[in-house]
Every structure is written in structure tokens, then in C-alpha cells.
């Protein structure tokens, strides 16, 4: 997406008898825990998101091929650090499922920094496990 949504809502209509928890990671906290030097390094970097990384795009591509339509990868560029438009608070905005590389860097150059960020973003102190029940709503 060119402009990412401000949030998402998930509603549990059915839940499995076990498992199925969702872990949310607070990207404000993840950003704030970084050193000032790394924050300065990240400032201005642009992440390139590609549908070629997302498993969900495979089903999209399959549907397009079945309909006889051309499939081409989707890409979008977003700052690795996003600033909330109302509060000014900064958060990390990168994902192992979508971010392929940093704009202007090779994929190999990007990987070391991105892998560090992806591991950092999901540290236990930044996460919350949500146990679903039928009718649960998460925002």
C-alpha cells in the first residue's frame, strides 16, 4: 500500500480448541530502546516492501494466472522509521514478511541491518500475547 493504514481490527468468529494466539509487537517501544547512534543511522532510510516476500501474494498470483491475467510483483517504499502524524512519536516500520531491502542498498548489504531490526522488534519486552475467544476483537 502506498499509504499504510493507521490500524487494523481483527474479530474472532471461530477459534481453534488450542493454539491460534496472536502476538502483537509494540514498535514504538522497539524504536525507543535503540541507541541514539542507530536511531540516527535509520533516520531517512527507506524500506522497500515487495509482494515477492509475502506468502499471501502467492495466492494472489495464482488467482491472476488462473484468470489469464499478467502477474507482476507489487512494491512500495516506506520509511523504516515512521512518525505518528498526531503525536510525533516514532516507531519502527519494517517486516521480515514484506521488507526486501533498504532503498539504495543491495539486498546483501540490507540484510544485516534488517535481520537485527526484525529480531529486535519481537523481543519479549515489546510483545503482548492475545488469547482469542469467540467474539474477541483486537484493534
N, C-alpha and C. Protein backbone atom coordinates (compact mmCIF):
# COMPACT_ATOMS: atom_id res chain seq x y z
N UNK A 1 0.84 -1.19 0.00
CA UNK A 1 0.00 0.00 0.00
C UNK A 1 0.87 1.24 0.00
N UNK A 2 0.46 2.22 -0.77
CA UNK A 2 1.22 3.47 -0.80
C UNK A 2 1.16 4.18 0.54
N UNK A 3 -0.03 4.24 1.13
CA UNK A 3 -0.19 4.84 2.46
C UNK A 3 -0.71 3.76 3.40
N UNK A 4 0.13 3.32 4.33
CA UNK A 4 -0.30 2.26 5.25
C UNK A 4 -1.47 2.72 6.12
N UNK A 5 -2.35 1.81 6.48
CA UNK A 5 -3.47 2.18 7.35
C UNK A 5 -2.99 2.52 8.76
N UNK A 6 -3.80 3.27 9.48
CA UNK A 6 -3.45 3.63 10.86
C UNK A 6 -3.59 2.43 11.79
N UNK A 7 -4.37 1.45 11.42
CA UNK A 7 -4.55 0.29 12.28
C UNK A 7 -5.37 -0.77 11.58
N UNK A 8 -5.55 -1.88 12.27
CA UNK A 8 -6.35 -2.98 11.76
C UNK A 8 -7.22 -3.50 12.89
N UNK A 9 -8.34 -4.09 12.53
CA UNK A 9 -9.21 -4.72 13.52
C UNK A 9 -9.37 -6.18 13.14
N UNK A 10 -9.29 -7.06 14.13
CA UNK A 10 -9.46 -8.48 13.91
C UNK A 10 -10.58 -8.97 14.82
N UNK A 11 -11.53 -9.72 14.26
CA UNK A 11 -12.65 -10.26 15.01
C UNK A 11 -12.62 -11.78 14.92
N UNK A 12 -12.69 -12.45 16.06
CA UNK A 12 -12.69 -13.92 16.09
C UNK A 12 -14.11 -14.44 15.98
N UNK A 13 -14.43 -15.03 14.86
CA UNK A 13 -15.74 -15.64 14.68
C UNK A 13 -15.70 -17.11 15.12
N UNK A 14 -14.56 -17.75 14.88
CA UNK A 14 -14.33 -19.13 15.31
C UNK A 14 -12.91 -19.19 15.84
N UNK A 15 -12.69 -20.01 16.84
CA UNK A 15 -11.33 -20.18 17.37
C UNK A 15 -11.03 -21.67 17.49
N UNK A 16 -9.77 -22.04 17.30
CA UNK A 16 -9.41 -23.45 17.45
C UNK A 16 -9.43 -23.84 18.93
N UNK A 17 -9.51 -25.12 19.22
CA UNK A 17 -9.55 -25.56 20.62
C UNK A 17 -8.25 -25.25 21.38
N UNK A 18 -7.16 -25.13 20.67
CA UNK A 18 -5.88 -24.76 21.28
C UNK A 18 -5.02 -24.05 20.24
N UNK A 19 -4.05 -23.26 20.71
CA UNK A 19 -3.20 -22.50 19.79
C UNK A 19 -3.96 -21.33 19.20
N UNK A 20 -3.40 -20.74 18.17
CA UNK A 20 -4.06 -19.64 17.49
C UNK A 20 -3.86 -18.28 18.11
N UNK A 21 -3.02 -18.20 19.16
CA UNK A 21 -2.76 -16.90 19.78
C UNK A 21 -2.11 -15.96 18.77
N UNK A 22 -2.28 -14.67 18.97
CA UNK A 22 -1.63 -13.65 18.16
C UNK A 22 -0.70 -12.86 19.07
N UNK A 23 0.53 -12.65 18.62
CA UNK A 23 1.48 -11.86 19.39
C UNK A 23 1.64 -10.51 18.68
N UNK A 24 1.33 -9.45 19.41
CA UNK A 24 1.49 -8.09 18.90
C UNK A 24 2.80 -7.53 19.42
N UNK A 25 3.51 -6.78 18.60
CA UNK A 25 4.79 -6.19 18.99
C UNK A 25 4.69 -4.67 18.93
N UNK A 26 5.03 -4.00 20.01
CA UNK A 26 4.95 -2.54 20.11
C UNK A 26 6.18 -1.92 19.45
N UNK A 27 5.98 -1.32 18.29
CA UNK A 27 7.10 -0.78 17.53
C UNK A 27 7.56 0.58 18.02
N UNK A 28 6.73 1.26 18.82
CA UNK A 28 7.20 2.48 19.49
C UNK A 28 8.27 2.09 20.50
N UNK A 29 7.97 1.09 21.33
CA UNK A 29 8.92 0.65 22.34
C UNK A 29 10.20 0.11 21.71
N UNK A 30 10.05 -0.63 20.61
CA UNK A 30 11.22 -1.18 19.93
C UNK A 30 12.12 -0.05 19.44
N UNK A 31 11.54 0.99 18.85
CA UNK A 31 12.34 2.12 18.38
C UNK A 31 13.01 2.84 19.55
N UNK A 32 12.24 3.11 20.60
CA UNK A 32 12.76 3.87 21.73
C UNK A 32 13.89 3.16 22.45
N UNK A 33 13.96 1.83 22.35
CA UNK A 33 15.02 1.06 23.01
C UNK A 33 16.33 1.06 22.22
N UNK A 34 16.31 1.55 20.99
CA UNK A 34 17.54 1.59 20.18
C UNK A 34 18.49 2.67 20.69
N UNK A 35 19.77 2.49 20.41
CA UNK A 35 20.76 3.51 20.77
C UNK A 35 20.54 4.75 19.92
N UNK A 36 21.02 5.88 20.42
CA UNK A 36 20.91 7.13 19.65
C UNK A 36 21.65 7.01 18.32
N UNK A 37 22.77 6.30 18.31
CA UNK A 37 23.54 6.12 17.08
C UNK A 37 22.77 5.35 16.03
N UNK A 38 22.09 4.28 16.44
CA UNK A 38 21.32 3.51 15.47
C UNK A 38 20.09 4.28 15.02
N UNK A 39 19.47 5.02 15.93
CA UNK A 39 18.34 5.87 15.53
C UNK A 39 18.78 6.85 14.44
N UNK A 40 19.96 7.45 14.61
CA UNK A 40 20.48 8.40 13.62
C UNK A 40 20.75 7.70 12.29
N UNK A 41 21.26 6.47 12.35
CA UNK A 41 21.52 5.70 11.13
C UNK A 41 20.23 5.41 10.38
N UNK A 42 19.19 5.07 11.12
CA UNK A 42 17.91 4.70 10.50
C UNK A 42 17.16 5.91 9.94
N UNK A 43 17.43 7.08 10.49
CA UNK A 43 16.73 8.29 10.07
C UNK A 43 16.92 8.52 8.57
N UNK A 44 15.84 8.55 7.83
CA UNK A 44 15.91 8.79 6.40
C UNK A 44 16.01 7.54 5.54
N UNK A 45 16.25 6.37 6.16
CA UNK A 45 16.32 5.15 5.36
C UNK A 45 14.92 4.72 4.92
N UNK A 46 14.84 4.23 3.70
CA UNK A 46 13.57 3.80 3.12
C UNK A 46 13.61 2.29 2.91
N UNK A 47 12.60 1.61 3.44
CA UNK A 47 12.47 0.18 3.21
C UNK A 47 11.64 -0.08 1.97
N UNK A 48 12.06 -1.07 1.20
CA UNK A 48 11.30 -1.46 0.01
C UNK A 48 10.54 -2.73 0.35
N UNK A 49 9.22 -2.64 0.29
CA UNK A 49 8.35 -3.79 0.55
C UNK A 49 8.00 -4.42 -0.78
N UNK A 50 8.06 -5.74 -0.83
CA UNK A 50 7.80 -6.45 -2.08
C UNK A 50 6.83 -7.60 -1.86
N UNK A 51 5.89 -7.73 -2.78
CA UNK A 51 4.93 -8.83 -2.69
C UNK A 51 5.62 -10.17 -2.92
N UNK A 52 6.82 -10.16 -3.47
CA UNK A 52 7.53 -11.42 -3.71
C UNK A 52 7.92 -12.09 -2.40
N UNK A 53 7.99 -11.32 -1.30
CA UNK A 53 8.33 -11.89 0.00
C UNK A 53 7.12 -12.42 0.73
N UNK A 54 5.95 -11.90 0.46
CA UNK A 54 4.75 -12.25 1.23
C UNK A 54 4.11 -13.52 0.69
N UNK A 55 3.93 -14.50 1.54
CA UNK A 55 3.29 -15.76 1.14
C UNK A 55 1.88 -15.52 0.60
N UNK A 56 1.21 -14.53 1.13
CA UNK A 56 -0.17 -14.24 0.73
C UNK A 56 -0.24 -13.84 -0.75
N UNK A 57 0.84 -13.25 -1.26
CA UNK A 57 0.82 -12.83 -2.66
C UNK A 57 0.83 -14.03 -3.60
N UNK A 58 1.28 -15.18 -3.13
CA UNK A 58 1.28 -16.38 -3.98
C UNK A 58 -0.16 -16.74 -4.37
N UNK A 59 -1.08 -16.63 -3.45
CA UNK A 59 -2.47 -16.93 -3.79
C UNK A 59 -3.02 -15.87 -4.75
N UNK A 60 -2.60 -14.63 -4.57
CA UNK A 60 -3.00 -13.55 -5.49
C UNK A 60 -2.49 -13.87 -6.89
N UNK A 61 -1.23 -14.26 -6.99
CA UNK A 61 -0.64 -14.57 -8.28
C UNK A 61 -1.33 -15.78 -8.92
N UNK A 62 -1.65 -16.78 -8.11
CA UNK A 62 -2.35 -17.96 -8.63
C UNK A 62 -3.71 -17.58 -9.20
N UNK A 63 -4.45 -16.72 -8.49
CA UNK A 63 -5.77 -16.28 -8.98
C UNK A 63 -5.63 -15.52 -10.30
N UNK A 64 -4.64 -14.63 -10.39
CA UNK A 64 -4.45 -13.86 -11.62
C UNK A 64 -4.08 -14.78 -12.78
N UNK A 65 -3.18 -15.72 -12.55
CA UNK A 65 -2.78 -16.66 -13.61
C UNK A 65 -3.98 -17.47 -14.08
N UNK A 66 -4.80 -17.95 -13.14
CA UNK A 66 -5.99 -18.74 -13.48
C UNK A 66 -6.97 -17.92 -14.31
N UNK A 67 -7.00 -16.61 -14.10
CA UNK A 67 -7.90 -15.74 -14.85
C UNK A 67 -7.26 -15.27 -16.16
N UNK A 68 -6.04 -15.76 -16.45
CA UNK A 68 -5.36 -15.38 -17.68
C UNK A 68 -4.79 -13.97 -17.65
N UNK A 69 -4.58 -13.43 -16.47
CA UNK A 69 -4.05 -12.07 -16.34
C UNK A 69 -2.57 -12.11 -15.99
N UNK A 70 -1.88 -11.04 -16.36
CA UNK A 70 -0.45 -10.92 -16.08
C UNK A 70 -0.23 -10.73 -14.57
N UNK A 71 0.80 -11.39 -14.08
CA UNK A 71 1.17 -11.19 -12.68
C UNK A 71 2.50 -10.44 -12.64
N UNK A 72 2.54 -9.42 -11.85
CA UNK A 72 3.82 -8.74 -11.65
C UNK A 72 3.91 -8.37 -10.18
N UNK A 73 5.11 -8.42 -9.65
CA UNK A 73 5.27 -8.12 -8.23
C UNK A 73 4.83 -6.69 -7.89
N UNK A 74 4.27 -6.55 -6.71
CA UNK A 74 3.90 -5.23 -6.21
C UNK A 74 5.01 -4.76 -5.28
N UNK A 75 5.31 -3.47 -5.31
CA UNK A 75 6.35 -2.92 -4.43
C UNK A 75 5.88 -1.58 -3.89
N UNK A 76 6.34 -1.27 -2.70
CA UNK A 76 6.05 0.03 -2.08
C UNK A 76 7.26 0.43 -1.26
N UNK A 77 7.46 1.72 -1.13
CA UNK A 77 8.57 2.24 -0.33
C UNK A 77 8.01 3.00 0.86
N UNK A 78 8.59 2.72 2.04
CA UNK A 78 8.16 3.37 3.28
C UNK A 78 9.38 3.66 4.15
N UNK A 79 9.35 4.75 4.90
CA UNK A 79 10.45 5.00 5.85
C UNK A 79 10.55 3.83 6.84
N UNK A 80 11.77 3.46 7.19
CA UNK A 80 11.97 2.41 8.18
C UNK A 80 11.52 2.89 9.55
N UNK A 81 11.59 4.20 9.76
CA UNK A 81 11.07 4.80 10.99
C UNK A 81 9.92 5.72 10.59
N UNK A 82 8.73 5.38 11.08
CA UNK A 82 7.54 6.22 10.80
C UNK A 82 7.28 7.12 11.99
N UNK A 83 6.79 8.30 11.71
CA UNK A 83 6.42 9.25 12.75
C UNK A 83 4.91 9.38 12.76
N UNK A 84 4.31 9.17 13.94
CA UNK A 84 2.86 9.28 14.07
C UNK A 84 2.45 10.71 13.73
N UNK A 85 1.46 10.90 12.84
CA UNK A 85 1.11 12.24 12.38
C UNK A 85 0.52 13.15 13.46
N UNK A 86 -0.03 12.59 14.52
CA UNK A 86 -0.62 13.41 15.57
C UNK A 86 0.28 13.57 16.79
N UNK A 87 0.94 12.48 17.19
CA UNK A 87 1.74 12.54 18.42
C UNK A 87 3.21 12.85 18.16
N UNK A 88 3.68 12.61 16.94
CA UNK A 88 5.09 12.80 16.63
C UNK A 88 5.97 11.67 17.14
N UNK A 89 5.37 10.66 17.74
CA UNK A 89 6.13 9.53 18.29
C UNK A 89 6.63 8.65 17.14
N UNK A 90 7.87 8.17 17.28
CA UNK A 90 8.48 7.37 16.22
C UNK A 90 8.37 5.88 16.51
N UNK A 91 8.22 5.11 15.43
CA UNK A 91 8.10 3.66 15.53
C UNK A 91 8.83 3.01 14.37
N UNK A 92 9.32 1.80 14.60
CA UNK A 92 9.92 1.04 13.50
C UNK A 92 8.82 0.59 12.55
N UNK A 93 9.13 0.55 11.27
CA UNK A 93 8.16 0.12 10.28
C UNK A 93 8.87 -0.73 9.23
N UNK A 94 9.15 -1.96 9.61
CA UNK A 94 9.78 -2.92 8.71
C UNK A 94 9.30 -4.31 9.12
N UNK A 95 9.32 -5.23 8.20
CA UNK A 95 8.77 -6.56 8.47
C UNK A 95 9.53 -7.61 7.68
N UNK A 96 9.86 -8.70 8.35
CA UNK A 96 10.55 -9.79 7.65
C UNK A 96 9.65 -10.40 6.57
N UNK A 97 8.35 -10.24 6.71
CA UNK A 97 7.41 -10.80 5.73
C UNK A 97 7.29 -9.96 4.46
N UNK A 98 7.68 -8.69 4.52
CA UNK A 98 7.47 -7.81 3.37
C UNK A 98 8.69 -7.02 2.94
N UNK A 99 9.54 -6.57 3.86
CA UNK A 99 10.66 -5.70 3.50
C UNK A 99 11.76 -6.52 2.84
N UNK A 100 12.07 -6.19 1.59
CA UNK A 100 13.09 -6.94 0.85
C UNK A 100 14.48 -6.34 1.01
N UNK A 101 14.54 -5.02 1.07
CA UNK A 101 15.84 -4.37 1.21
C UNK A 101 15.65 -2.89 1.54
N UNK A 102 16.77 -2.22 1.75
CA UNK A 102 16.77 -0.78 2.00
C UNK A 102 17.09 -0.08 0.68
N UNK A 103 16.31 0.93 0.36
CA UNK A 103 16.50 1.66 -0.91
C UNK A 103 17.92 2.20 -0.99
N UNK A 104 18.56 1.95 -2.14
CA UNK A 104 19.92 2.41 -2.36
C UNK A 104 20.98 1.45 -1.84
N UNK A 105 20.57 0.39 -1.18
CA UNK A 105 21.48 -0.64 -0.68
C UNK A 105 21.19 -1.93 -1.44
N UNK A 106 22.19 -2.79 -1.56
CA UNK A 106 21.93 -4.10 -2.13
C UNK A 106 21.17 -4.94 -1.10
N UNK A 107 20.59 -6.04 -1.57
CA UNK A 107 19.89 -6.92 -0.63
C UNK A 107 20.86 -7.47 0.40
N UNK A 108 22.06 -7.81 -0.03
CA UNK A 108 23.07 -8.35 0.90
C UNK A 108 23.47 -7.31 1.94
N UNK A 109 23.69 -6.07 1.51
CA UNK A 109 24.03 -5.00 2.46
C UNK A 109 22.89 -4.76 3.44
N UNK A 110 21.68 -4.81 2.93
CA UNK A 110 20.50 -4.54 3.75
C UNK A 110 20.26 -5.61 4.80
N UNK A 111 20.57 -6.85 4.44
CA UNK A 111 20.17 -7.98 5.27
C UNK A 111 20.69 -7.92 6.70
N UNK A 112 21.94 -7.52 6.90
CA UNK A 112 22.50 -7.49 8.26
C UNK A 112 21.70 -6.55 9.15
N UNK A 113 21.43 -5.35 8.67
CA UNK A 113 20.68 -4.38 9.47
C UNK A 113 19.23 -4.82 9.63
N UNK A 114 18.61 -5.27 8.55
CA UNK A 114 17.21 -5.68 8.64
C UNK A 114 17.03 -6.88 9.58
N UNK A 115 17.93 -7.85 9.51
CA UNK A 115 17.81 -9.01 10.41
C UNK A 115 17.94 -8.58 11.86
N UNK A 116 18.85 -7.65 12.14
CA UNK A 116 18.96 -7.13 13.51
C UNK A 116 17.63 -6.51 13.93
N UNK A 117 17.07 -5.66 13.08
CA UNK A 117 15.81 -4.99 13.41
C UNK A 117 14.68 -5.99 13.60
N UNK A 118 14.58 -6.98 12.71
CA UNK A 118 13.50 -7.96 12.81
C UNK A 118 13.58 -8.73 14.13
N UNK A 119 14.79 -9.10 14.55
CA UNK A 119 14.95 -9.80 15.83
C UNK A 119 14.64 -8.86 16.99
N UNK A 120 15.11 -7.62 16.89
CA UNK A 120 14.90 -6.63 17.95
C UNK A 120 13.41 -6.32 18.12
N UNK A 121 12.68 -6.20 17.03
CA UNK A 121 11.28 -5.81 17.07
C UNK A 121 10.39 -6.77 17.84
N UNK A 122 10.78 -8.01 17.95
CA UNK A 122 9.93 -9.01 18.59
C UNK A 122 10.50 -9.50 19.93
N UNK A 123 11.37 -8.71 20.52
CA UNK A 123 11.88 -9.09 21.85
C UNK A 123 10.69 -9.17 22.81
N UNK A 124 10.74 -10.10 23.76
CA UNK A 124 9.59 -10.31 24.66
C UNK A 124 9.10 -9.05 25.36
N UNK A 125 10.00 -8.15 25.71
CA UNK A 125 9.57 -6.94 26.44
C UNK A 125 8.76 -5.98 25.58
N UNK A 126 8.71 -6.21 24.27
CA UNK A 126 7.93 -5.35 23.38
C UNK A 126 6.63 -6.02 22.93
N UNK A 127 6.38 -7.24 23.38
CA UNK A 127 5.26 -8.00 22.84
C UNK A 127 4.15 -8.27 23.85
N UNK A 128 2.98 -8.56 23.30
CA UNK A 128 1.80 -8.90 24.09
C UNK A 128 1.11 -10.07 23.38
N UNK A 129 0.88 -11.15 24.11
CA UNK A 129 0.19 -12.32 23.55
C UNK A 129 -1.31 -12.19 23.78
N UNK A 130 -2.08 -12.32 22.71
CA UNK A 130 -3.54 -12.22 22.78
C UNK A 130 -4.13 -13.60 22.59
N UNK A 131 -4.85 -14.07 23.59
CA UNK A 131 -5.52 -15.38 23.51
C UNK A 131 -6.97 -15.15 23.09
N UNK A 132 -7.30 -15.68 21.95
CA UNK A 132 -8.60 -15.45 21.35
C UNK A 132 -9.70 -16.28 21.98
N UNK A 133 -10.88 -15.69 22.07
CA UNK A 133 -12.12 -16.38 22.39
C UNK A 133 -13.12 -15.96 21.32
N UNK A 134 -14.13 -16.77 21.08
CA UNK A 134 -15.14 -16.40 20.09
C UNK A 134 -15.72 -15.04 20.46
N UNK A 135 -15.73 -14.13 19.49
CA UNK A 135 -16.23 -12.77 19.72
C UNK A 135 -15.16 -11.78 20.14
N UNK A 136 -13.93 -12.24 20.36
CA UNK A 136 -12.85 -11.30 20.72
C UNK A 136 -12.60 -10.33 19.57
N UNK A 137 -12.32 -9.10 19.92
CA UNK A 137 -12.00 -8.07 18.94
C UNK A 137 -10.67 -7.44 19.34
N UNK A 138 -9.73 -7.42 18.42
CA UNK A 138 -8.43 -6.79 18.67
C UNK A 138 -8.27 -5.64 17.70
N UNK A 139 -7.76 -4.52 18.19
CA UNK A 139 -7.54 -3.34 17.35
C UNK A 139 -6.10 -2.92 17.48
